[in-house]
């Protein structure tokens, strides 16, 4: 914990002159998924942990003339999807997704590659979530989610966790937007929402239905389970290629259905229509293939 007196500032047995202190910067470390307070001058990286809000207030009062900035000062708060640091997990997930798609395409054909690609598209995309709280409005979720003007945001809610907190908004013309943010950054996000949007972030609330929460947790895993079942079960049937094709079409349909519900829930209305159209296309393709096989 940082401590200071009239002459020097202290941290972990080290001391530095107050006169040489240059300022403070709150930094988000994407590789570790943790925030740090950079003490400019000595170059210290102090972890931002529980109870940091009180320390921050004391620093601002003790050093009012020193600059105090933050990576999220412009209103973009980092997300921790599923409680994981986004950047390394996104890189590893993207690599595995591409390798799995190419392998399925190589060994099982076009439908297999398409099925694996669709199954992993939405989970990988959600690893790039962020919260944008700006002067023009609010956006929670993937980067392509449109910014909703403040006059169309009815309420903002949060569910506080130990390391990560769920934040969602009830908006007009959409089911809502949602994102997981580090709990230690929640006070800064709340303050910015109150200052720019005139809204108090309320704990709990009913903006996200519990059925949706259960579906969101299961939706990312269902297509992968169906994919594994299809690959394992197909060789055991009298018609392995037909069974695999049918299984992969079901995988594609469930993956797009999960993506459609998630897109709609995060406020991306066009995405919901797009993915539901994909489900309809897969259903038509299944009917056409079935008619060809058994017609």
Protein backbone atom coordinates (compact mmCIF):
# COMPACT_ATOMS: atom_id res chain seq x y z
CA UNK A 1 0.00 0.00 0.00
CA UNK A 2 1.25 3.48 -0.87
CA UNK A 3 2.08 5.75 2.04
CA UNK A 4 3.52 9.26 2.09
CA UNK A 5 4.54 12.15 4.28
CA UNK A 6 5.67 15.71 3.63
CA UNK A 7 9.07 14.65 2.28
CA UNK A 8 8.67 11.30 0.49
CA UNK A 9 6.33 8.62 -0.79
CA UNK A 10 6.82 4.98 0.26
CA UNK A 11 5.90 1.59 -1.23
CA UNK A 12 7.17 -1.89 -0.34
CA UNK A 13 10.15 -0.58 1.59
CA UNK A 14 11.17 1.87 -1.16
CA UNK A 15 11.07 5.64 -0.85
CA UNK A 16 11.03 8.48 -3.35
CA UNK A 17 11.17 12.26 -2.93
CA UNK A 18 7.85 14.08 -3.18
CA UNK A 19 9.55 16.88 -5.12
CA UNK A 20 10.48 14.48 -7.93
CA UNK A 21 7.02 12.91 -8.13
CA UNK A 22 5.56 13.51 -11.62
CA UNK A 23 2.01 12.14 -11.39
CA UNK A 24 -0.13 9.03 -11.53
CA UNK A 25 -1.59 6.91 -14.32
CA UNK A 26 -4.08 4.07 -13.98
CA UNK A 27 -3.11 1.40 -16.51
CA UNK A 28 -4.79 -1.80 -17.67
CA UNK A 29 -2.42 -4.69 -18.35
CA UNK A 30 -4.11 -6.75 -21.14
CA UNK A 31 -1.79 -9.75 -20.85
CA UNK A 32 -2.49 -10.31 -17.18
CA UNK A 33 -5.98 -8.88 -17.11
CA UNK A 34 -5.20 -6.64 -14.13
CA UNK A 35 -5.13 -2.87 -13.48
CA UNK A 36 -2.12 -1.07 -12.05
CA UNK A 37 -1.39 2.41 -10.75
CA UNK A 38 1.76 3.79 -12.38
CA UNK A 39 3.56 6.20 -10.05
CA UNK A 40 5.46 8.48 -12.41
CA UNK A 41 8.85 9.49 -11.20
CA UNK A 42 9.92 6.36 -9.38
CA UNK A 43 8.28 4.20 -12.07
CA UNK A 44 6.39 1.99 -9.63
CA UNK A 45 3.56 -0.31 -10.78
CA UNK A 46 1.21 -0.62 -7.81
CA UNK A 47 -1.56 -3.26 -8.19
CA UNK A 48 -5.07 -1.84 -8.04
CA UNK A 49 -6.91 -4.05 -5.56
CA UNK A 50 -9.99 -4.04 -3.36
CA UNK A 51 -10.31 -0.78 -1.47
CA UNK A 52 -8.44 1.19 -4.10
CA UNK A 53 -11.18 3.83 -4.28
CA UNK A 54 -10.22 5.21 -0.85
CA UNK A 55 -6.52 5.30 -1.80
CA UNK A 56 -7.32 7.10 -5.05
CA UNK A 57 -9.35 9.75 -3.23
CA UNK A 58 -6.53 10.32 -0.73
CA UNK A 59 -3.98 10.68 -3.53
CA UNK A 60 -6.13 13.24 -5.37
CA UNK A 61 -6.53 15.27 -2.18
CA UNK A 62 -2.85 15.05 -1.22
CA UNK A 63 -1.48 15.88 -4.69
CA UNK A 64 -4.11 18.04 -6.41
CA UNK A 65 -1.61 19.71 -8.77
CA UNK A 66 -0.14 16.46 -10.16
CA UNK A 67 -1.70 14.89 -13.31
CA UNK A 68 -3.89 11.87 -12.65
CA UNK A 69 -4.84 9.97 -15.83
CA UNK A 70 -6.16 6.53 -16.79
CA UNK A 71 -6.26 4.21 -19.79
CA UNK A 72 -10.05 4.34 -19.53
CA UNK A 73 -10.11 8.12 -19.18
CA UNK A 74 -11.68 8.42 -22.64
CA UNK A 75 -14.54 6.16 -21.55
CA UNK A 76 -13.44 2.75 -22.88
CA UNK A 77 -13.31 0.22 -20.05
CA UNK A 78 -11.69 -3.19 -20.64
CA UNK A 79 -13.75 -6.33 -20.32
CA UNK A 80 -12.84 -9.71 -18.85
CA UNK A 81 -15.09 -12.17 -20.73
CA UNK A 82 -15.80 -15.20 -18.54
CA UNK A 83 -13.38 -13.73 -16.01
CA UNK A 84 -10.37 -14.15 -18.31
CA UNK A 85 -7.81 -11.62 -19.60
CA UNK A 86 -9.14 -10.82 -23.05
CA UNK A 87 -6.02 -10.40 -25.20
CA UNK A 88 -4.07 -13.64 -24.55
CA UNK A 89 -7.23 -15.73 -24.39
CA UNK A 90 -8.46 -14.17 -27.64
CA UNK A 91 -5.16 -14.95 -29.38
CA UNK A 92 -5.09 -18.56 -28.17
CA UNK A 93 -8.82 -19.02 -28.87
CA UNK A 94 -8.49 -17.58 -32.38
CA UNK A 95 -5.54 -19.86 -33.16
CA UNK A 96 -7.37 -22.97 -31.93
CA UNK A 97 -10.51 -21.92 -33.81
CA UNK A 98 -8.64 -21.48 -37.10
CA UNK A 99 -6.70 -24.75 -36.67
CA UNK A 100 -9.88 -26.68 -35.82
CA UNK A 101 -11.75 -25.20 -38.79
CA UNK A 102 -8.95 -26.01 -41.26
CA UNK A 103 -8.53 -29.52 -39.83
CA UNK A 104 -12.26 -30.22 -40.12
CA UNK A 105 -12.25 -28.86 -43.67
CA UNK A 106 -9.25 -31.00 -44.62
CA UNK A 107 -10.44 -34.26 -43.08
CA UNK A 108 -14.23 -34.08 -43.38
CA UNK A 109 -14.99 -31.61 -46.16
CA UNK A 110 -16.69 -28.26 -46.63
CA UNK A 111 -19.64 -28.77 -44.31
CA UNK A 112 -17.38 -29.86 -41.44
CA UNK A 113 -15.15 -26.81 -41.83
CA UNK A 114 -18.14 -24.50 -42.00
CA UNK A 115 -19.73 -26.08 -38.95
CA UNK A 116 -16.60 -25.71 -36.81
CA UNK A 117 -16.06 -22.15 -38.04
CA UNK A 118 -19.62 -21.13 -37.16
CA UNK A 119 -19.49 -22.89 -33.80
CA UNK A 120 -16.45 -20.88 -32.73
CA UNK A 121 -17.23 -17.53 -34.34
CA UNK A 122 -19.35 -15.96 -31.61
CA UNK A 123 -17.38 -17.19 -28.53
CA UNK A 124 -14.13 -15.91 -30.06
CA UNK A 125 -15.75 -12.59 -31.02
CA UNK A 126 -17.02 -12.04 -27.47
CA UNK A 127 -13.44 -12.16 -26.18
CA UNK A 128 -13.04 -8.63 -27.62
CA UNK A 129 -15.80 -7.11 -25.50
CA UNK A 130 -15.49 -3.65 -23.93
CA UNK A 131 -17.61 -1.03 -22.19
CA UNK A 132 -17.80 2.39 -23.86
CA UNK A 133 -19.22 5.21 -21.73
CA UNK A 134 -19.01 8.40 -23.76
CA UNK A 135 -20.62 11.79 -24.11
CA UNK A 136 -22.83 10.55 -26.94
CA UNK A 137 -24.08 7.40 -25.28
CA UNK A 138 -23.38 3.90 -24.01
CA UNK A 139 -22.15 0.69 -25.64
CA UNK A 140 -21.56 -2.60 -23.82
CA UNK A 141 -20.27 -5.70 -25.59
CA UNK A 142 -18.37 -6.37 -28.84
CA UNK A 143 -16.70 -3.42 -30.61
CA UNK A 144 -19.28 -3.41 -33.41
CA UNK A 145 -22.20 -2.77 -31.06
CA UNK A 146 -23.68 0.64 -31.86
CA UNK A 147 -23.50 3.42 -29.28
CA UNK A 148 -26.97 3.96 -27.81
CA UNK A 149 -27.71 7.66 -27.08
CA UNK A 150 -28.28 8.48 -23.44
CA UNK A 151 -31.89 9.51 -24.04
CA UNK A 152 -32.58 5.92 -25.18
CA UNK A 153 -30.96 4.27 -22.14
CA UNK A 154 -33.63 3.62 -19.52
CA UNK A 155 -31.46 2.05 -16.81
CA UNK A 156 -28.05 0.54 -16.12
CA UNK A 157 -27.62 -2.41 -13.76
CA UNK A 158 -24.74 -4.42 -12.33
CA UNK A 159 -24.22 -7.68 -10.50
CA UNK A 160 -21.10 -7.35 -8.36
CA UNK A 161 -18.71 -10.30 -8.13
CA UNK A 162 -15.43 -10.85 -6.34
CA UNK A 163 -13.17 -10.34 -9.40
CA UNK A 164 -15.60 -9.51 -12.20
CA UNK A 165 -18.93 -7.73 -12.29
CA UNK A 166 -21.72 -8.03 -14.83
CA UNK A 167 -22.97 -4.70 -16.21
CA UNK A 168 -26.00 -4.42 -18.46
CA UNK A 169 -28.32 -1.72 -19.73
CA UNK A 170 -32.00 -1.59 -20.52
CA UNK A 171 -32.46 0.41 -23.71
CA UNK A 172 -35.31 1.37 -26.01
CA UNK A 173 -35.57 -0.63 -29.21
CA UNK A 174 -33.25 -3.42 -28.01
CA UNK A 175 -33.26 -6.20 -25.42
CA UNK A 176 -30.25 -4.69 -23.70
CA UNK A 177 -26.46 -4.69 -23.70
CA UNK A 178 -24.11 -6.55 -21.37
CA UNK A 179 -20.44 -6.94 -20.54
CA UNK A 180 -18.20 -8.34 -17.78
CA UNK A 181 -15.79 -5.77 -16.32
CA UNK A 182 -13.19 -5.99 -13.52
CA UNK A 183 -14.83 -5.25 -10.19
CA UNK A 184 -12.07 -2.82 -9.21
CA UNK A 185 -13.00 -0.63 -12.21
CA UNK A 186 -16.71 -0.66 -11.41
CA UNK A 187 -16.60 2.53 -9.26
CA UNK A 188 -14.97 4.48 -12.11
CA UNK A 189 -17.55 3.16 -14.60
CA UNK A 190 -20.39 4.04 -12.23
CA UNK A 191 -19.07 7.56 -11.76
CA UNK A 192 -18.76 8.12 -15.51
CA UNK A 193 -22.29 6.81 -16.18
CA UNK A 194 -23.65 9.13 -13.50
CA UNK A 195 -21.68 12.13 -14.77
CA UNK A 196 -22.38 11.73 -18.50
CA UNK A 197 -25.71 9.92 -18.57
CA UNK A 198 -27.31 11.12 -15.37
CA UNK A 199 -28.07 7.50 -14.40
CA UNK A 200 -27.26 5.61 -11.22
CA UNK A 201 -25.92 2.10 -11.85
CA UNK A 202 -28.23 -0.06 -9.76
CA UNK A 203 -27.20 -3.38 -8.29
CA UNK A 204 -29.13 -6.45 -9.48
CA UNK A 205 -32.36 -5.62 -11.30
CA UNK A 206 -34.46 -7.47 -13.85
CA UNK A 207 -33.08 -6.17 -17.13
CA UNK A 208 -31.52 -9.52 -17.91
CA UNK A 209 -33.91 -12.39 -17.46
CA UNK A 210 -32.60 -15.39 -15.50
CA UNK A 211 -33.56 -17.68 -18.38
CA UNK A 212 -31.31 -15.64 -20.64
CA UNK A 213 -28.45 -15.94 -18.13
CA UNK A 214 -28.81 -19.73 -18.13
CA UNK A 215 -28.97 -19.83 -21.92
CA UNK A 216 -25.95 -17.55 -22.24
CA UNK A 217 -23.87 -19.89 -20.09
CA UNK A 218 -24.94 -22.99 -21.97
CA UNK A 219 -25.19 -21.48 -25.45
CA UNK A 220 -21.44 -21.25 -25.99
CA UNK A 221 -20.93 -24.92 -25.09
CA UNK A 222 -23.88 -26.63 -26.80
CA UNK A 223 -22.50 -26.42 -30.40
CA UNK A 224 -19.14 -27.81 -29.29
CA UNK A 225 -20.82 -30.71 -27.49
CA UNK A 226 -22.90 -31.49 -30.57
CA UNK A 227 -19.79 -31.28 -32.75
CA UNK A 228 -17.93 -33.76 -30.56
CA UNK A 229 -20.93 -36.10 -30.49
CA UNK A 230 -21.26 -35.95 -34.29
CA UNK A 231 -17.59 -36.69 -34.95
CA UNK A 232 -17.57 -39.59 -32.48
CA UNK A 233 -20.93 -41.12 -33.41
CA UNK A 234 -20.82 -40.78 -37.22
CA UNK A 235 -18.25 -43.58 -37.84
CA UNK A 236 -20.38 -45.95 -35.76
CA UNK A 237 -23.41 -45.65 -38.05
CA UNK A 238 -24.05 -47.53 -41.33
CA UNK A 239 -23.96 -44.17 -43.18
CA UNK A 240 -21.07 -42.24 -41.57
CA UNK A 241 -20.85 -39.41 -44.09
CA UNK A 242 -24.58 -38.79 -44.13
CA UNK A 243 -24.68 -38.85 -40.30
CA UNK A 244 -21.71 -36.50 -40.07
CA UNK A 245 -23.27 -34.08 -42.53
CA UNK A 246 -26.55 -34.06 -40.61
CA UNK A 247 -24.71 -33.59 -37.32
CA UNK A 248 -22.66 -30.70 -38.66
CA UNK A 249 -25.76 -28.98 -39.98
CA UNK A 250 -27.29 -29.22 -36.50
CA UNK A 251 -24.05 -27.79 -35.07
CA UNK A 252 -24.18 -24.89 -37.51
CA UNK A 253 -27.84 -24.20 -36.71
CA UNK A 254 -27.35 -24.25 -32.91
CA UNK A 255 -24.22 -22.09 -33.16
CA UNK A 256 -26.07 -19.46 -35.18
CA UNK A 257 -29.09 -19.67 -32.88
CA UNK A 258 -26.86 -19.04 -29.86
CA UNK A 259 -25.19 -16.15 -31.69
CA UNK A 260 -28.58 -14.67 -32.63
CA UNK A 261 -29.87 -14.65 -29.06
CA UNK A 262 -26.60 -13.24 -27.73
CA UNK A 263 -26.52 -10.56 -30.43
CA UNK A 264 -30.08 -9.53 -29.73
CA UNK A 265 -29.44 -9.43 -25.99
CA UNK A 266 -26.43 -7.16 -26.43
CA UNK A 267 -28.41 -4.67 -28.48
CA UNK A 268 -27.14 -5.64 -31.94
CA UNK A 269 -30.55 -5.96 -33.59
CA UNK A 270 -29.19 -6.48 -37.11
CA UNK A 271 -26.97 -9.27 -35.81
CA UNK A 272 -30.00 -11.09 -34.41
CA UNK A 273 -31.77 -10.88 -37.77
CA UNK A 274 -28.59 -11.95 -39.60
CA UNK A 275 -27.98 -15.04 -37.48
CA UNK A 276 -31.64 -16.08 -37.45
CA UNK A 277 -31.55 -15.83 -41.26
CA UNK A 278 -28.58 -18.20 -41.16
CA UNK A 279 -30.58 -20.69 -39.09
CA UNK A 280 -33.38 -20.51 -41.67
CA UNK A 281 -30.87 -21.07 -44.50
CA UNK A 282 -29.44 -24.15 -42.78
CA UNK A 283 -32.96 -25.52 -42.30
CA UNK A 284 -33.70 -25.07 -46.02
CA UNK A 285 -30.39 -26.72 -46.92
CA UNK A 286 -31.24 -29.66 -44.65
CA UNK A 287 -34.61 -30.09 -46.36
CA UNK A 288 -32.97 -29.95 -49.80
CA UNK A 289 -30.30 -32.49 -48.86
CA UNK A 290 -32.85 -34.77 -47.22
CA UNK A 291 -35.02 -34.68 -50.34
CA UNK A 292 -31.99 -35.58 -52.44
CA UNK A 293 -31.03 -38.50 -50.23
CA UNK A 294 -34.45 -40.01 -49.76
CA UNK A 295 -36.36 -38.56 -52.69
